[in-house]
Amino acid sequence: MRDRLELRLPRLEEEAEFLRAHRATTPDVPNFLDSYEEGMPFARYIEKLEQQARGENLLRGHVPSTFLFAFDDARIVGRGSLRHELNDFLFRVGGHIGYTVVPEFRRRGYATEILRQLLTIARVRLGLARVLVTCDDDNVGSIRAIEKNGGVLENVVSGADLDTPKRRYWIDCPAES
């Protein structure tokens, strides 16, 4: 899988695969797609993601971020987001990196590989030596993916504003994969 998994934006001709992954995942994970609005022209969505990566036209409270899809051959198996910096909210519970695997592809190691590749991108493209990755305290799959990638648990955060306590991990980013 490591050789086959590619993190990238979809090409315009891959819109049907994009919509398949979106529909398969959204009932479980309403935030599977960042900034997507149902019925939005696909080219416009890709343009919005490119703008976010450049830090243009950001919503209030948002930071520049790179949002990529995980392709295994022609199938989108998940997605990852890499926030270029942390604001107060992200430092507390959001972290630099978020990822989701499409339900039919879960428990196959994709989350671990998506995170591994995002760590390399964080170092190579953004110059980040260390990143914060968070997950729900009861998300065993995410905990495993984070710890397999060298995550060191700093603490668990809870509060009235959180449905589930969040585990906060720091991970050193490799210079190369």
C-alpha atoms as a PDB file:
ATOM      1  CA  MET A   1       0.000   0.000   0.000  1.00  0.00           C
ATOM      2  CA  ARG A   2       2.820   2.407   0.841  1.00  0.00           C
ATOM      3  CA  ASP A   3       3.960   2.458  -2.782  1.00  0.00           C
ATOM      4  CA  ARG A   4       0.441   2.883  -4.144  1.00  0.00           C
ATOM      5  CA  LEU A   5      -1.009   5.540  -1.859  1.00  0.00           C
ATOM      6  CA  GLU A   6      -0.771   9.041  -3.270  1.00  0.00           C
ATOM      7  CA  LEU A   7      -1.904  12.225  -1.529  1.00  0.00           C
ATOM      8  CA  ARG A   8      -3.061  14.840  -4.027  1.00  0.00           C
ATOM      9  CA  LEU A   9      -5.962  16.930  -5.254  1.00  0.00           C
ATOM     10  CA  PRO A  10      -8.348  15.122  -7.583  1.00  0.00           C
ATOM     11  CA  ARG A  11      -8.239  15.955 -11.267  1.00  0.00           C
ATOM     12  CA  LEU A  12     -11.388  17.298 -12.930  1.00  0.00           C
ATOM     13  CA  GLU A  13     -12.037  13.960 -14.643  1.00  0.00           C
ATOM     14  CA  GLU A  14     -12.120  12.277 -11.201  1.00  0.00           C
ATOM     15  CA  GLU A  15     -15.249  14.080 -10.049  1.00  0.00           C
ATOM     16  CA  ALA A  16     -17.353  10.879  -9.972  1.00  0.00           C
ATOM     17  CA  GLU A  17     -14.838   9.177  -7.649  1.00  0.00           C
ATOM     18  CA  PHE A  18     -14.725  12.316  -5.486  1.00  0.00           C
ATOM     19  CA  LEU A  19     -18.529  12.300  -5.144  1.00  0.00           C
ATOM     20  CA  ARG A  20     -18.535   8.552  -4.379  1.00  0.00           C
ATOM     21  CA  ALA A  21     -16.077   9.025  -1.506  1.00  0.00           C
ATOM     22  CA  HIS A  22     -17.983  12.078  -0.280  1.00  0.00           C
ATOM     23  CA  ARG A  23     -21.331  10.252  -0.207  1.00  0.00           C
ATOM     24  CA  ALA A  24     -19.857   7.137   1.385  1.00  0.00           C
ATOM     25  CA  THR A  25     -18.215   9.079   4.204  1.00  0.00           C
ATOM     26  CA  THR A  26     -20.352  12.119   4.957  1.00  0.00           C
ATOM     27  CA  PRO A  27     -23.049  10.333   7.019  1.00  0.00           C
ATOM     28  CA  ASP A  28     -20.263   9.213   9.398  1.00  0.00           C
ATOM     29  CA  VAL A  29     -18.009  12.239   9.104  1.00  0.00           C
ATOM     30  CA  PRO A  30     -19.920  15.416   8.186  1.00  0.00           C
ATOM     31  CA  ASN A  31     -16.623  17.318   7.803  1.00  0.00           C
ATOM     32  CA  PHE A  32     -15.092  14.842   5.319  1.00  0.00           C
ATOM     33  CA  LEU A  33     -14.869  17.660   2.766  1.00  0.00           C
ATOM     34  CA  ASP A  34     -13.572  21.031   3.797  1.00  0.00           C
ATOM     35  CA  SER A  35     -15.454  23.991   2.275  1.00  0.00           C
ATOM     36  CA  TYR A  36     -17.526  21.855  -0.090  1.00  0.00           C
ATOM     37  CA  GLU A  37     -21.153  22.786  -0.657  1.00  0.00           C
ATOM     38  CA  GLU A  38     -23.490  20.247  -2.240  1.00  0.00           C
ATOM     39  CA  GLY A  39     -23.866  20.942  -5.964  1.00  0.00           C
ATOM     40  CA  MET A  40     -20.792  23.179  -6.099  1.00  0.00           C
ATOM     41  CA  PRO A  41     -18.982  23.006  -9.458  1.00  0.00           C
ATOM     42  CA  PHE A  42     -16.062  20.637  -8.979  1.00  0.00           C
ATOM     43  CA  ALA A  43     -13.545  23.025 -10.566  1.00  0.00           C
ATOM     44  CA  ARG A  44     -14.625  25.715  -8.084  1.00  0.00           C
ATOM     45  CA  TYR A  45     -14.092  23.340  -5.166  1.00  0.00           C
ATOM     46  CA  ILE A  46     -10.571  22.495  -6.304  1.00  0.00           C
ATOM     47  CA  GLU A  47      -9.904  26.239  -6.701  1.00  0.00           C
ATOM     48  CA  LYS A  48     -11.115  26.863  -3.111  1.00  0.00           C
ATOM     49  CA  LEU A  49      -8.722  24.216  -1.786  1.00  0.00           C
ATOM     50  CA  GLU A  50      -5.828  25.760  -3.697  1.00  0.00           C
ATOM     51  CA  GLN A  51      -6.736  29.187  -2.260  1.00  0.00           C
ATOM     52  CA  GLN A  52      -6.828  27.773   1.281  1.00  0.00           C
ATOM     53  CA  ALA A  53      -3.340  26.348   0.817  1.00  0.00           C
ATOM     54  CA  ARG A  54      -2.133  29.807  -0.219  1.00  0.00           C
ATOM     55  CA  GLY A  55      -3.943  31.418   2.720  1.00  0.00           C
ATOM     56  CA  GLU A  56      -6.367  33.336   0.486  1.00  0.00           C
ATOM     57  CA  ASN A  57     -10.056  34.005   1.233  1.00  0.00           C
ATOM     58  CA  LEU A  58      -9.947  32.200   4.561  1.00  0.00           C
ATOM     59  CA  LEU A  59     -12.992  32.121   6.800  1.00  0.00           C
ATOM     60  CA  ARG A  60     -12.654  33.911  10.123  1.00  0.00           C
ATOM     61  CA  GLY A  61     -10.723  31.751  12.583  1.00  0.00           C
ATOM     62  CA  HIS A  62      -9.231  29.528   9.872  1.00  0.00           C
ATOM     63  CA  VAL A  63      -5.543  29.173   9.030  1.00  0.00           C
ATOM     64  CA  PRO A  64      -3.865  28.286   5.724  1.00  0.00           C
ATOM     65  CA  SER A  65      -4.221  24.552   5.141  1.00  0.00           C
ATOM     66  CA  THR A  66      -3.379  21.922   2.568  1.00  0.00           C
ATOM     67  CA  PHE A  67      -6.256  19.522   1.940  1.00  0.00           C
ATOM     68  CA  LEU A  68      -5.394  16.366  -0.025  1.00  0.00           C
ATOM     69  CA  PHE A  69      -7.151  13.175  -1.028  1.00  0.00           C
ATOM     70  CA  ALA A  70      -5.614   9.733  -0.553  1.00  0.00           C
ATOM     71  CA  PHE A  71      -5.721   7.729  -3.763  1.00  0.00           C
ATOM     72  CA  ASP A  72      -5.004   4.009  -3.951  1.00  0.00           C
ATOM     73  CA  ASP A  73      -4.877   3.540  -7.702  1.00  0.00           C
ATOM     74  CA  ALA A  74      -8.084   5.210  -8.972  1.00  0.00           C
ATOM     75  CA  ARG A  75      -9.999   5.010  -5.684  1.00  0.00           C
ATOM     76  CA  ILE A  76     -10.185   7.732  -3.055  1.00  0.00           C
ATOM     77  CA  VAL A  77      -9.643   5.852   0.213  1.00  0.00           C
ATOM     78  CA  GLY A  78      -9.490   8.883   2.488  1.00  0.00           C
ATOM     79  CA  ARG A  79      -8.331  12.438   2.884  1.00  0.00           C
ATOM     80  CA  GLY A  80      -5.963  14.463   4.982  1.00  0.00           C
ATOM     81  CA  SER A  81      -5.621  18.072   5.995  1.00  0.00           C
ATOM     82  CA  LEU A  82      -2.479  19.824   7.083  1.00  0.00           C
ATOM     83  CA  ARG A  83      -2.866  23.150   8.842  1.00  0.00           C
ATOM     84  CA  HIS A  84       0.166  25.324   8.229  1.00  0.00           C
ATOM     85  CA  GLU A  85      -0.001  26.948  11.668  1.00  0.00           C
ATOM     86  CA  LEU A  86      -1.990  26.724  14.868  1.00  0.00           C
ATOM     87  CA  ASN A  87      -4.425  29.237  16.329  1.00  0.00           C
ATOM     88  CA  ASP A  88      -5.680  28.917  19.922  1.00  0.00           C
ATOM     89  CA  PHE A  89      -8.457  26.467  19.023  1.00  0.00           C
ATOM     90  CA  LEU A  90      -6.196  24.240  16.925  1.00  0.00           C
ATOM     91  CA  PHE A  91      -3.521  24.283  19.623  1.00  0.00           C
ATOM     92  CA  ARG A  92      -6.054  23.111  22.192  1.00  0.00           C
ATOM     93  CA  VAL A  93      -8.016  20.451  20.287  1.00  0.00           C
ATOM     94  CA  GLY A  94      -7.585  20.546  16.497  1.00  0.00           C
ATOM     95  CA  GLY A  95      -3.897  20.111  15.821  1.00  0.00           C
ATOM     96  CA  HIS A  96      -1.934  20.499  12.610  1.00  0.00           C
ATOM     97  CA  ILE A  97      -3.201  17.318  10.959  1.00  0.00           C
ATOM     98  CA  GLY A  98      -6.586  15.727  10.436  1.00  0.00           C
ATOM     99  CA  TYR A  99      -7.430  12.650   8.382  1.00  0.00           C
ATOM    100  CA  THR A 100     -10.377  10.420   7.612  1.00  0.00           C
ATOM    101  CA  VAL A 101     -10.640   7.073   5.853  1.00  0.00           C
ATOM    102  CA  VAL A 102     -13.663   6.199   3.701  1.00  0.00           C
ATOM    103  CA  PRO A 103     -15.649   3.552   5.674  1.00  0.00           C
ATOM    104  CA  GLU A 104     -15.146   0.656   3.237  1.00  0.00           C
ATOM    105  CA  PHE A 105     -11.346   1.108   3.475  1.00  0.00           C
ATOM    106  CA  ARG A 106     -10.998   1.305   7.258  1.00  0.00           C
ATOM    107  CA  ARG A 107      -8.840  -1.090   9.297  1.00  0.00           C
ATOM    108  CA  ARG A 108      -6.390  -1.615   6.432  1.00  0.00           C
ATOM    109  CA  GLY A 109      -3.608   0.742   7.539  1.00  0.00           C
ATOM    110  CA  TYR A 110      -4.634   3.698   5.371  1.00  0.00           C
ATOM    111  CA  ALA A 111      -4.877   6.154   8.281  1.00  0.00           C
ATOM    112  CA  THR A 112      -1.343   5.267   9.364  1.00  0.00           C
ATOM    113  CA  GLU A 113      -0.023   5.791   5.836  1.00  0.00           C
ATOM    114  CA  ILE A 114      -1.972   9.018   5.248  1.00  0.00           C
ATOM    115  CA  LEU A 115      -0.569  10.417   8.493  1.00  0.00           C
ATOM    116  CA  ARG A 116       2.964   9.255   7.615  1.00  0.00           C
ATOM    117  CA  GLN A 117       2.829  11.061   4.279  1.00  0.00           C
ATOM    118  CA  LEU A 118       1.336  14.206   5.831  1.00  0.00           C
ATOM    119  CA  LEU A 119       4.204  14.299   8.332  1.00  0.00           C
ATOM    120  CA  THR A 120       6.701  14.291   5.482  1.00  0.00           C
ATOM    121  CA  ILE A 121       4.773  17.016   3.648  1.00  0.00           C
ATOM    122  CA  ALA A 122       4.707  19.090   6.859  1.00  0.00           C
ATOM    123  CA  ARG A 123       8.491  18.922   7.067  1.00  0.00           C
ATOM    124  CA  VAL A 124       9.427  19.194   3.384  1.00  0.00           C
ATOM    125  CA  ARG A 125       6.860  21.736   2.146  1.00  0.00           C
ATOM    126  CA  LEU A 126       6.199  23.744   5.305  1.00  0.00           C
ATOM    127  CA  GLY A 127       9.414  23.342   7.287  1.00  0.00           C
ATOM    128  CA  LEU A 128       7.610  22.069  10.381  1.00  0.00           C
ATOM    129  CA  ALA A 129       9.892  19.993  12.604  1.00  0.00           C
ATOM    130  CA  ARG A 130       7.117  18.893  14.955  1.00  0.00           C
ATOM    131  CA  VAL A 131       3.333  18.803  14.685  1.00  0.00           C
ATOM    132  CA  LEU A 132       0.372  18.415  16.992  1.00  0.00           C
ATOM    133  CA  VAL A 133      -2.118  15.662  16.124  1.00  0.00           C
ATOM    134  CA  THR A 134      -5.293  15.176  18.133  1.00  0.00           C
ATOM    135  CA  CYS A 135      -8.028  12.575  18.232  1.00  0.00           C
ATOM    136  CA  ASP A 136     -11.020  11.612  20.305  1.00  0.00           C
ATOM    137  CA  ASP A 137     -10.023   9.761  23.459  1.00  0.00           C
ATOM    138  CA  ASP A 138     -12.111   6.749  22.393  1.00  0.00           C
ATOM    139  CA  ASN A 139     -10.889   6.534  18.762  1.00  0.00           C
ATOM    140  CA  VAL A 140      -8.712   3.416  18.995  1.00  0.00           C
ATOM    141  CA  GLY A 141      -7.893   3.387  15.263  1.00  0.00           C
ATOM    142  CA  SER A 142      -6.609   6.945  15.311  1.00  0.00           C
ATOM    143  CA  ILE A 143      -4.675   6.380  18.514  1.00  0.00           C
ATOM    144  CA  ARG A 144      -2.903   3.431  16.858  1.00  0.00           C
ATOM    145  CA  ALA A 145      -2.147   5.413  13.672  1.00  0.00           C
ATOM    146  CA  ILE A 146      -0.723   8.312  15.676  1.00  0.00           C
ATOM    147  CA  GLU A 147       1.370   6.116  17.950  1.00  0.00           C
ATOM    148  CA  LYS A 148       2.691   4.046  14.998  1.00  0.00           C
ATOM    149  CA  ASN A 149       3.925   7.346  13.543  1.00  0.00           C
ATOM    150  CA  GLY A 150       5.819   8.249  16.711  1.00  0.00           C
ATOM    151  CA  GLY A 151       3.155  10.274  18.489  1.00  0.00           C
ATOM    152  CA  VAL A 152       3.958  11.136  22.096  1.00  0.00           C
ATOM    153  CA  LEU A 153       0.888  11.797  24.222  1.00  0.00           C
ATOM    154  CA  GLU A 154       1.109  15.174  25.948  1.00  0.00           C
ATOM    155  CA  ASN A 155      -2.294  15.188  27.617  1.00  0.00           C
ATOM    156  CA  VAL A 156      -6.033  14.602  27.306  1.00  0.00           C
ATOM    157  CA  VAL A 157      -8.220  17.711  27.155  1.00  0.00           C
ATOM    158  CA  SER A 158     -11.845  17.784  28.228  1.00  0.00           C
ATOM    159  CA  GLY A 159     -14.377  20.502  28.794  1.00  0.00           C
ATOM    160  CA  ALA A 160     -17.987  21.543  28.479  1.00  0.00           C
ATOM    161  CA  ASP A 161     -17.342  22.520  24.840  1.00  0.00           C
ATOM    162  CA  LEU A 162     -16.249  18.982  23.875  1.00  0.00           C
ATOM    163  CA  ASP A 163     -18.505  15.954  23.373  1.00  0.00           C
ATOM    164  CA  THR A 164     -15.531  13.628  23.852  1.00  0.00           C
ATOM    165  CA  PRO A 165     -12.170  14.292  25.515  1.00  0.00           C
ATOM    166  CA  LYS A 166      -9.321  14.894  23.015  1.00  0.00           C
ATOM    167  CA  ARG A 167      -5.911  13.249  23.142  1.00  0.00           C
ATOM    168  CA  ARG A 168      -3.068  15.622  22.159  1.00  0.00           C
ATOM    169  CA  TYR A 169       0.044  14.076  20.623  1.00  0.00           C
ATOM    170  CA  TRP A 170       3.254  15.664  19.363  1.00  0.00           C
ATOM    171  CA  ILE A 171       5.081  13.989  16.483  1.00  0.00           C
ATOM    172  CA  ASP A 172       8.530  14.830  15.097  1.00  0.00           C
ATOM    173  CA  CYS A 173       8.372  15.200  11.314  1.00  0.00           C
ATOM    174  CA  PRO A 174      10.858  13.194   9.247  1.00  0.00           C
ATOM    175  CA  ALA A 175      13.040  15.064   6.763  1.00  0.00           C
ATOM    176  CA  GLU A 176      12.202  12.464   4.081  1.00  0.00           C
ATOM    177  CA  SER A 177      10.019   9.389   3.760  1.00  0.00           C
END
